């Protein structure tokens, strides 16, 4: 949903039932994905697997809530920078820890024209008190905000 004109040129996946692990490897491309602003090109670093928080604020929650199925998402996205652009800014690395899980992102440079984006998002299966709901909602809101982080490239003269 986040990528217009998406083309998948390679898709492989494996489902390891012993490890309870599903792995997907995809090579994607998209035309006109970024937004141009002057000499800058701006785009989401994590367009492929964004979490969008949609939990409603409930000020007087009376009942506990349960996360019935925990999960771990591990993503590694390789971004090729066009030769006629240089990196102006990338999102800061993020590490969030809470009783509900963890969220971590890291951006590293592979070479002058390649960035690697690493993301781990872990949610714990558990039963929580009604008073913990707002903390959970705010944790997911932070994850959503960080999943929408942008990279800014500048066109070389």
C-alpha atoms as a PDB file:
ATOM      1  CA  UNK A   1       0.000   0.000   0.000  1.00  0.00           C
ATOM      2  CA  UNK A   2       2.927   2.364   0.593  1.00  0.00           C
ATOM      3  CA  UNK A   3       4.594   1.888  -2.799  1.00  0.00           C
ATOM      4  CA  UNK A   4       3.091   3.029  -6.095  1.00  0.00           C
ATOM      5  CA  UNK A   5       4.262   1.464  -9.360  1.00  0.00           C
ATOM      6  CA  UNK A   6       5.769  -1.488  -7.487  1.00  0.00           C
ATOM      7  CA  UNK A   7       7.597  -4.098  -9.531  1.00  0.00           C
ATOM      8  CA  UNK A   8       8.805  -7.352  -8.007  1.00  0.00           C
ATOM      9  CA  UNK A   9      11.637  -8.856 -10.017  1.00  0.00           C
ATOM     10  CA  UNK A  10      12.578 -11.644  -7.628  1.00  0.00           C
ATOM     11  CA  UNK A  11      10.654 -13.289  -4.796  1.00  0.00           C
ATOM     12  CA  UNK A  12      11.750 -16.252  -2.709  1.00  0.00           C
ATOM     13  CA  UNK A  13      10.425 -17.449   0.610  1.00  0.00           C
ATOM     14  CA  UNK A  14      10.810 -20.326   2.990  1.00  0.00           C
ATOM     15  CA  UNK A  15       8.607 -21.536   5.812  1.00  0.00           C
ATOM     16  CA  UNK A  16      10.620 -23.390   8.459  1.00  0.00           C
ATOM     17  CA  UNK A  17       7.973 -25.000  10.652  1.00  0.00           C
ATOM     18  CA  UNK A  18      10.580 -26.437  13.031  1.00  0.00           C
ATOM     19  CA  UNK A  19      11.950 -22.982  13.890  1.00  0.00           C
ATOM     20  CA  UNK A  20       8.548 -21.313  13.397  1.00  0.00           C
ATOM     21  CA  UNK A  21      10.213 -18.929  10.991  1.00  0.00           C
ATOM     22  CA  UNK A  22       8.985 -17.491   7.710  1.00  0.00           C
ATOM     23  CA  UNK A  23      11.607 -15.798   5.529  1.00  0.00           C
ATOM     24  CA  UNK A  24      10.866 -13.698   2.474  1.00  0.00           C
ATOM     25  CA  UNK A  25      13.496 -12.287   0.105  1.00  0.00           C
ATOM     26  CA  UNK A  26      12.288  -9.844  -2.523  1.00  0.00           C
ATOM     27  CA  UNK A  27      13.884  -7.546  -5.069  1.00  0.00           C
ATOM     28  CA  UNK A  28      11.649  -4.528  -5.631  1.00  0.00           C
ATOM     29  CA  UNK A  29      11.705  -1.428  -7.738  1.00  0.00           C
ATOM     30  CA  UNK A  30       9.292   1.468  -8.056  1.00  0.00           C
ATOM     31  CA  UNK A  31       9.092   4.452 -10.359  1.00  0.00           C
ATOM     32  CA  UNK A  32       8.377   7.889  -8.902  1.00  0.00           C
ATOM     33  CA  UNK A  33       8.530   6.509  -5.370  1.00  0.00           C
ATOM     34  CA  UNK A  34      10.234   9.496  -3.747  1.00  0.00           C
ATOM     35  CA  UNK A  35       9.071  13.079  -3.501  1.00  0.00           C
ATOM     36  CA  UNK A  36      11.138  15.815  -5.119  1.00  0.00           C
ATOM     37  CA  UNK A  37      11.580  19.056  -3.198  1.00  0.00           C
ATOM     38  CA  UNK A  38      13.954  21.448  -4.961  1.00  0.00           C
ATOM     39  CA  UNK A  39      17.182  19.493  -5.448  1.00  0.00           C
ATOM     40  CA  UNK A  40      16.224  16.939  -2.787  1.00  0.00           C
ATOM     41  CA  UNK A  41      14.688  13.485  -3.135  1.00  0.00           C
ATOM     42  CA  UNK A  42      12.767  12.358  -0.025  1.00  0.00           C
ATOM     43  CA  UNK A  43      11.466   8.831   0.604  1.00  0.00           C
ATOM     44  CA  UNK A  44      10.512   6.422   3.380  1.00  0.00           C
ATOM     45  CA  UNK A  45      13.358   4.168   4.429  1.00  0.00           C
ATOM     46  CA  UNK A  46      10.906   1.415   5.401  1.00  0.00           C
ATOM     47  CA  UNK A  47       8.106   1.413   2.877  1.00  0.00           C
ATOM     48  CA  UNK A  48       7.839  -2.358   2.673  1.00  0.00           C
ATOM     49  CA  UNK A  49       6.906  -3.367   6.223  1.00  0.00           C
ATOM     50  CA  UNK A  50       5.561  -0.320   8.052  1.00  0.00           C
ATOM     51  CA  UNK A  51       3.557  -0.711  11.218  1.00  0.00           C
ATOM     52  CA  UNK A  52       0.687   1.748  11.381  1.00  0.00           C
ATOM     53  CA  UNK A  53      -0.756   2.140  14.849  1.00  0.00           C
ATOM     54  CA  UNK A  54      -4.495   2.423  14.929  1.00  0.00           C
ATOM     55  CA  UNK A  55      -5.270   1.740  18.581  1.00  0.00           C
ATOM     56  CA  UNK A  56      -7.924   4.066  19.921  1.00  0.00           C
ATOM     57  CA  UNK A  57      -7.270   6.127  23.002  1.00  0.00           C
ATOM     58  CA  UNK A  58      -9.463   4.805  25.824  1.00  0.00           C
ATOM     59  CA  UNK A  59      -9.215   7.011  28.899  1.00  0.00           C
ATOM     60  CA  UNK A  60     -11.246   4.851  31.269  1.00  0.00           C
ATOM     61  CA  UNK A  61     -10.452   1.306  30.223  1.00  0.00           C
ATOM     62  CA  UNK A  62     -11.883  -1.146  32.767  1.00  0.00           C
ATOM     63  CA  UNK A  63     -10.867  -4.556  31.411  1.00  0.00           C
ATOM     64  CA  UNK A  64      -7.458  -6.123  30.892  1.00  0.00           C
ATOM     65  CA  UNK A  65      -6.204  -6.713  27.372  1.00  0.00           C
ATOM     66  CA  UNK A  66      -4.359  -9.616  25.839  1.00  0.00           C
ATOM     67  CA  UNK A  67      -1.802  -9.907  23.087  1.00  0.00           C
ATOM     68  CA  UNK A  68      -2.744 -13.393  21.946  1.00  0.00           C
ATOM     69  CA  UNK A  69       0.029 -13.885  19.427  1.00  0.00           C
ATOM     70  CA  UNK A  70       3.417 -12.368  19.881  1.00  0.00           C
ATOM     71  CA  UNK A  71       5.710 -11.985  16.890  1.00  0.00           C
ATOM     72  CA  UNK A  72       9.147 -10.965  15.709  1.00  0.00           C
ATOM     73  CA  UNK A  73       9.660  -9.089  12.439  1.00  0.00           C
ATOM     74  CA  UNK A  74      13.241  -8.840  11.256  1.00  0.00           C
ATOM     75  CA  UNK A  75      13.841  -6.769   8.143  1.00  0.00           C
ATOM     76  CA  UNK A  76      16.944  -5.900   6.183  1.00  0.00           C
ATOM     77  CA  UNK A  77      16.444  -3.502   3.306  1.00  0.00           C
ATOM     78  CA  UNK A  78      19.241  -2.586   0.899  1.00  0.00           C
ATOM     79  CA  UNK A  79      18.769   0.811  -0.736  1.00  0.00           C
ATOM     80  CA  UNK A  80      20.790   1.754  -3.820  1.00  0.00           C
ATOM     81  CA  UNK A  81      21.413   5.485  -4.115  1.00  0.00           C
ATOM     82  CA  UNK A  82      21.420   6.823  -7.710  1.00  0.00           C
ATOM     83  CA  UNK A  83      24.878   7.965  -8.863  1.00  0.00           C
ATOM     84  CA  UNK A  84      23.731  11.555  -9.349  1.00  0.00           C
ATOM     85  CA  UNK A  85      22.601  11.868  -5.679  1.00  0.00           C
ATOM     86  CA  UNK A  86      24.374  12.039  -2.331  1.00  0.00           C
ATOM     87  CA  UNK A  87      22.961  11.330   1.126  1.00  0.00           C
ATOM     88  CA  UNK A  88      21.934  14.481   2.987  1.00  0.00           C
ATOM     89  CA  UNK A  89      20.253  12.864   5.990  1.00  0.00           C
ATOM     90  CA  UNK A  90      19.128   9.497   7.279  1.00  0.00           C
ATOM     91  CA  UNK A  91      16.992   8.705  10.328  1.00  0.00           C
ATOM     92  CA  UNK A  92      18.785   8.186  13.617  1.00  0.00           C
ATOM     93  CA  UNK A  93      19.125   4.668  14.958  1.00  0.00           C
ATOM     94  CA  UNK A  94      16.285   3.852  17.358  1.00  0.00           C
ATOM     95  CA  UNK A  95      15.975   1.459  20.269  1.00  0.00           C
ATOM     96  CA  UNK A  96      12.697   1.187  22.180  1.00  0.00           C
ATOM     97  CA  UNK A  97      12.232  -1.233  25.065  1.00  0.00           C
ATOM     98  CA  UNK A  98       9.052  -1.837  26.996  1.00  0.00           C
ATOM     99  CA  UNK A  99       7.252  -4.621  28.837  1.00  0.00           C
ATOM    100  CA  UNK A 100       5.317  -5.219  25.589  1.00  0.00           C
ATOM    101  CA  UNK A 101       8.340  -5.800  23.400  1.00  0.00           C
ATOM    102  CA  UNK A 102      11.213  -4.087  21.651  1.00  0.00           C
ATOM    103  CA  UNK A 103      11.791  -2.111  18.488  1.00  0.00           C
ATOM    104  CA  UNK A 104      15.171  -1.389  16.988  1.00  0.00           C
ATOM    105  CA  UNK A 105      16.364   0.219  13.764  1.00  0.00           C
ATOM    106  CA  UNK A 106      19.867   0.770  12.472  1.00  0.00           C
ATOM    107  CA  UNK A 107      21.114   2.300   9.249  1.00  0.00           C
ATOM    108  CA  UNK A 108      24.578   1.482   7.997  1.00  0.00           C
ATOM    109  CA  UNK A 109      26.515   2.303   4.850  1.00  0.00           C
ATOM    110  CA  UNK A 110      27.557  -0.666   2.738  1.00  0.00           C
ATOM    111  CA  UNK A 111      29.429   1.528   0.258  1.00  0.00           C
ATOM    112  CA  UNK A 112      29.204   5.060  -1.191  1.00  0.00           C
ATOM    113  CA  UNK A 113      25.958   4.286  -3.050  1.00  0.00           C
ATOM    114  CA  UNK A 114      24.299   1.684  -0.797  1.00  0.00           C
ATOM    115  CA  UNK A 115      22.528   1.947   2.571  1.00  0.00           C
ATOM    116  CA  UNK A 116      21.387  -1.030   4.636  1.00  0.00           C
ATOM    117  CA  UNK A 117      18.346  -0.560   6.882  1.00  0.00           C
ATOM    118  CA  UNK A 118      17.954  -3.104   9.709  1.00  0.00           C
ATOM    119  CA  UNK A 119      14.748  -3.370  11.729  1.00  0.00           C
ATOM    120  CA  UNK A 120      13.666  -5.728  14.504  1.00  0.00           C
ATOM    121  CA  UNK A 121      10.158  -5.447  15.959  1.00  0.00           C
ATOM    122  CA  UNK A 122       9.206  -7.848  18.751  1.00  0.00           C
ATOM    123  CA  UNK A 123       5.820  -8.003  20.511  1.00  0.00           C
ATOM    124  CA  UNK A 124       5.363 -10.256  23.562  1.00  0.00           C
ATOM    125  CA  UNK A 125       2.365 -12.514  23.987  1.00  0.00           C
ATOM    126  CA  UNK A 126       0.804 -11.797  27.398  1.00  0.00           C
ATOM    127  CA  UNK A 127      -2.173 -10.611  29.414  1.00  0.00           C
ATOM    128  CA  UNK A 128      -1.930  -7.004  30.619  1.00  0.00           C
ATOM    129  CA  UNK A 129      -3.803  -4.853  33.151  1.00  0.00           C
ATOM    130  CA  UNK A 130      -6.270  -2.258  31.933  1.00  0.00           C
ATOM    131  CA  UNK A 131      -4.014   0.454  33.378  1.00  0.00           C
ATOM    132  CA  UNK A 132      -1.204  -0.608  31.001  1.00  0.00           C
ATOM    133  CA  UNK A 133      -3.240  -0.028  27.839  1.00  0.00           C
ATOM    134  CA  UNK A 134      -2.195   3.619  27.345  1.00  0.00           C
ATOM    135  CA  UNK A 135       1.488   2.688  27.708  1.00  0.00           C
ATOM    136  CA  UNK A 136       1.020  -0.019  25.057  1.00  0.00           C
ATOM    137  CA  UNK A 137      -0.767   2.404  22.738  1.00  0.00           C
ATOM    138  CA  UNK A 138       2.054   4.945  23.098  1.00  0.00           C
ATOM    139  CA  UNK A 139       4.687   2.265  22.424  1.00  0.00           C
ATOM    140  CA  UNK A 140       2.946   1.301  19.169  1.00  0.00           C
ATOM    141  CA  UNK A 141       2.573   4.973  18.255  1.00  0.00           C
ATOM    142  CA  UNK A 142       6.366   5.409  18.590  1.00  0.00           C
ATOM    143  CA  UNK A 143       6.932   2.338  16.406  1.00  0.00           C
ATOM    144  CA  UNK A 144       4.571   3.719  13.780  1.00  0.00           C
ATOM    145  CA  UNK A 145       6.261   7.133  13.813  1.00  0.00           C
ATOM    146  CA  UNK A 146       9.725   5.574  13.427  1.00  0.00           C
ATOM    147  CA  UNK A 147       8.547   3.241  10.650  1.00  0.00           C
ATOM    148  CA  UNK A 148       7.612   6.370   8.705  1.00  0.00           C
ATOM    149  CA  UNK A 149      11.121   7.900   8.912  1.00  0.00           C
ATOM    150  CA  UNK A 150      12.515   9.483   5.756  1.00  0.00           C
ATOM    151  CA  UNK A 151      15.839   9.610   3.928  1.00  0.00           C
ATOM    152  CA  UNK A 152      16.813  12.824   2.147  1.00  0.00           C
ATOM    153  CA  UNK A 153      19.094  12.733  -0.885  1.00  0.00           C
ATOM    154  CA  UNK A 154      20.569  15.775  -2.626  1.00  0.00           C
ATOM    155  CA  UNK A 155      21.213  15.953  -6.350  1.00  0.00           C
ATOM    156  CA  UNK A 156      24.903  16.406  -7.127  1.00  0.00           C
ATOM    157  CA  UNK A 157      25.796  19.529  -9.119  1.00  0.00           C
END
